């Protein structure tokens, strides 16, 4: 998880909606001011926690142009989700590898992700 929220606030918000258990580590606003650095921090922490570290297989999902740019800065695959105020075109222009209208089409999203593992 990457968020501009302070770590404590991020976990509070996730607990409030019942999904905190799915987010074991991340990069938080309390770690750095630059979003690209937060992505790098999250990758480093995940590498330590889960014994992984291949940035070729890291995807950064986001709904804002700054999320797409942060993914590019960190050297990972930025994936846009057009559920916010930004259009698919804006996310693509900011560097999204692909943009999904939402996260409902899980089979399509999984096919895209799996294409990086073949």
Protein backbone atom coordinates (compact mmCIF):
# COMPACT_ATOMS: atom_id res chain seq x y z
CA UNK A 1 0.00 0.00 0.00
CA UNK A 2 1.17 3.50 -0.80
CA UNK A 3 -0.61 6.50 0.65
CA UNK A 4 0.06 10.07 1.56
CA UNK A 5 -1.67 9.41 4.88
CA UNK A 6 0.38 9.02 8.03
CA UNK A 7 0.78 5.30 8.80
CA UNK A 8 -1.45 5.38 11.88
CA UNK A 9 -4.22 7.19 10.01
CA UNK A 10 -3.97 4.83 7.02
CA UNK A 11 -4.42 1.76 9.24
CA UNK A 12 -7.28 3.44 11.10
CA UNK A 13 -9.12 4.09 7.81
CA UNK A 14 -8.51 0.54 6.60
CA UNK A 15 -9.72 -0.94 9.90
CA UNK A 16 -12.83 1.23 9.77
CA UNK A 17 -13.89 -0.36 6.47
CA UNK A 18 -12.75 -3.86 7.47
CA UNK A 19 -9.82 -4.44 5.11
CA UNK A 20 -6.74 -3.68 7.22
CA UNK A 21 -5.82 -7.37 7.36
CA UNK A 22 -5.03 -7.29 3.61
CA UNK A 23 -2.36 -4.60 3.95
CA UNK A 24 0.68 -5.88 5.83
CA UNK A 25 3.15 -3.16 4.86
CA UNK A 26 3.53 -0.06 2.74
CA UNK A 27 4.90 3.40 2.22
CA UNK A 28 3.20 6.22 4.10
CA UNK A 29 3.14 9.99 4.19
CA UNK A 30 4.98 9.75 7.49
CA UNK A 31 7.92 8.14 5.60
CA UNK A 32 8.57 10.68 2.86
CA UNK A 33 7.00 13.67 1.16
CA UNK A 34 7.52 12.39 -2.43
CA UNK A 35 5.08 9.75 -3.66
CA UNK A 36 7.69 8.05 -5.86
CA UNK A 37 9.84 7.53 -2.79
CA UNK A 38 6.83 6.06 -0.95
CA UNK A 39 6.53 3.44 -3.70
CA UNK A 40 10.21 2.58 -3.31
CA UNK A 41 9.84 2.35 0.47
CA UNK A 42 6.81 0.07 0.13
CA UNK A 43 8.73 -2.20 -2.27
CA UNK A 44 11.71 -2.37 0.07
CA UNK A 45 9.51 -3.22 3.06
CA UNK A 46 7.57 -5.83 1.11
CA UNK A 47 10.85 -7.35 -0.07
CA UNK A 48 12.01 -7.77 3.50
CA UNK A 49 8.68 -8.97 4.87
CA UNK A 50 7.81 -11.39 2.05
CA UNK A 51 11.31 -12.26 0.79
CA UNK A 52 10.75 -10.76 -2.65
CA UNK A 53 12.14 -7.82 -4.53
CA UNK A 54 11.73 -8.16 -8.30
CA UNK A 55 10.54 -4.68 -9.34
CA UNK A 56 9.66 -6.11 -12.76
CA UNK A 57 6.66 -7.72 -11.07
CA UNK A 58 5.44 -4.80 -9.00
CA UNK A 59 2.30 -2.93 -9.98
CA UNK A 60 1.28 0.43 -8.61
CA UNK A 61 -2.50 0.94 -8.83
CA UNK A 62 -3.83 4.45 -8.52
CA UNK A 63 -6.55 6.84 -9.58
CA UNK A 64 -4.53 10.03 -10.01
CA UNK A 65 -1.83 11.22 -12.42
CA UNK A 66 0.63 11.59 -9.54
CA UNK A 67 0.17 7.87 -8.82
CA UNK A 68 1.13 7.01 -12.41
CA UNK A 69 4.18 9.27 -12.28
CA UNK A 70 5.20 7.79 -8.91
CA UNK A 71 5.08 4.29 -10.37
CA UNK A 72 7.31 5.36 -13.25
CA UNK A 73 9.76 7.08 -10.89
CA UNK A 74 9.95 3.90 -8.79
CA UNK A 75 10.51 1.73 -11.88
CA UNK A 76 7.33 -0.31 -11.54
CA UNK A 77 4.22 -0.77 -13.69
CA UNK A 78 1.65 1.98 -13.09
CA UNK A 79 -1.96 0.81 -13.47
CA UNK A 80 -4.69 3.41 -13.62
CA UNK A 81 -8.16 2.98 -12.18
CA UNK A 82 -10.56 5.67 -13.40
CA UNK A 83 -12.78 5.72 -10.31
CA UNK A 84 -11.72 9.16 -9.14
CA UNK A 85 -11.95 12.59 -10.70
CA UNK A 86 -9.35 11.88 -13.41
CA UNK A 87 -10.17 10.39 -16.80
CA UNK A 88 -8.57 7.36 -18.40
CA UNK A 89 -6.91 9.72 -20.88
CA UNK A 90 -5.36 11.79 -18.08
CA UNK A 91 -4.04 8.66 -16.37
CA UNK A 92 -2.61 7.35 -19.64
CA UNK A 93 -0.96 10.71 -20.36
CA UNK A 94 0.62 10.58 -16.90
CA UNK A 95 2.21 7.19 -17.65
CA UNK A 96 -0.33 4.46 -16.91
CA UNK A 97 0.54 1.20 -18.65
CA UNK A 98 -3.18 0.42 -18.76
CA UNK A 99 -6.31 1.99 -17.28
CA UNK A 100 -9.31 0.09 -15.98
CA UNK A 101 -12.66 1.84 -15.45
CA UNK A 102 -12.88 0.25 -11.98
CA UNK A 103 -11.76 -2.91 -10.18
CA UNK A 104 -14.88 -4.95 -10.95
CA UNK A 105 -13.51 -6.79 -14.01
CA UNK A 106 -11.19 -8.99 -11.99
CA UNK A 107 -10.60 -11.52 -14.79
CA UNK A 108 -9.40 -8.78 -17.15
CA UNK A 109 -7.16 -7.31 -14.45
CA UNK A 110 -5.70 -10.73 -13.61
CA UNK A 111 -5.02 -11.43 -17.30
CA UNK A 112 -3.10 -8.16 -17.53
CA UNK A 113 -1.08 -8.92 -14.39
CA UNK A 114 -0.36 -12.50 -15.49
CA UNK A 115 1.00 -11.26 -18.83
CA UNK A 116 4.07 -10.04 -16.92
CA UNK A 117 4.76 -13.50 -15.53
CA UNK A 118 4.88 -15.48 -18.77
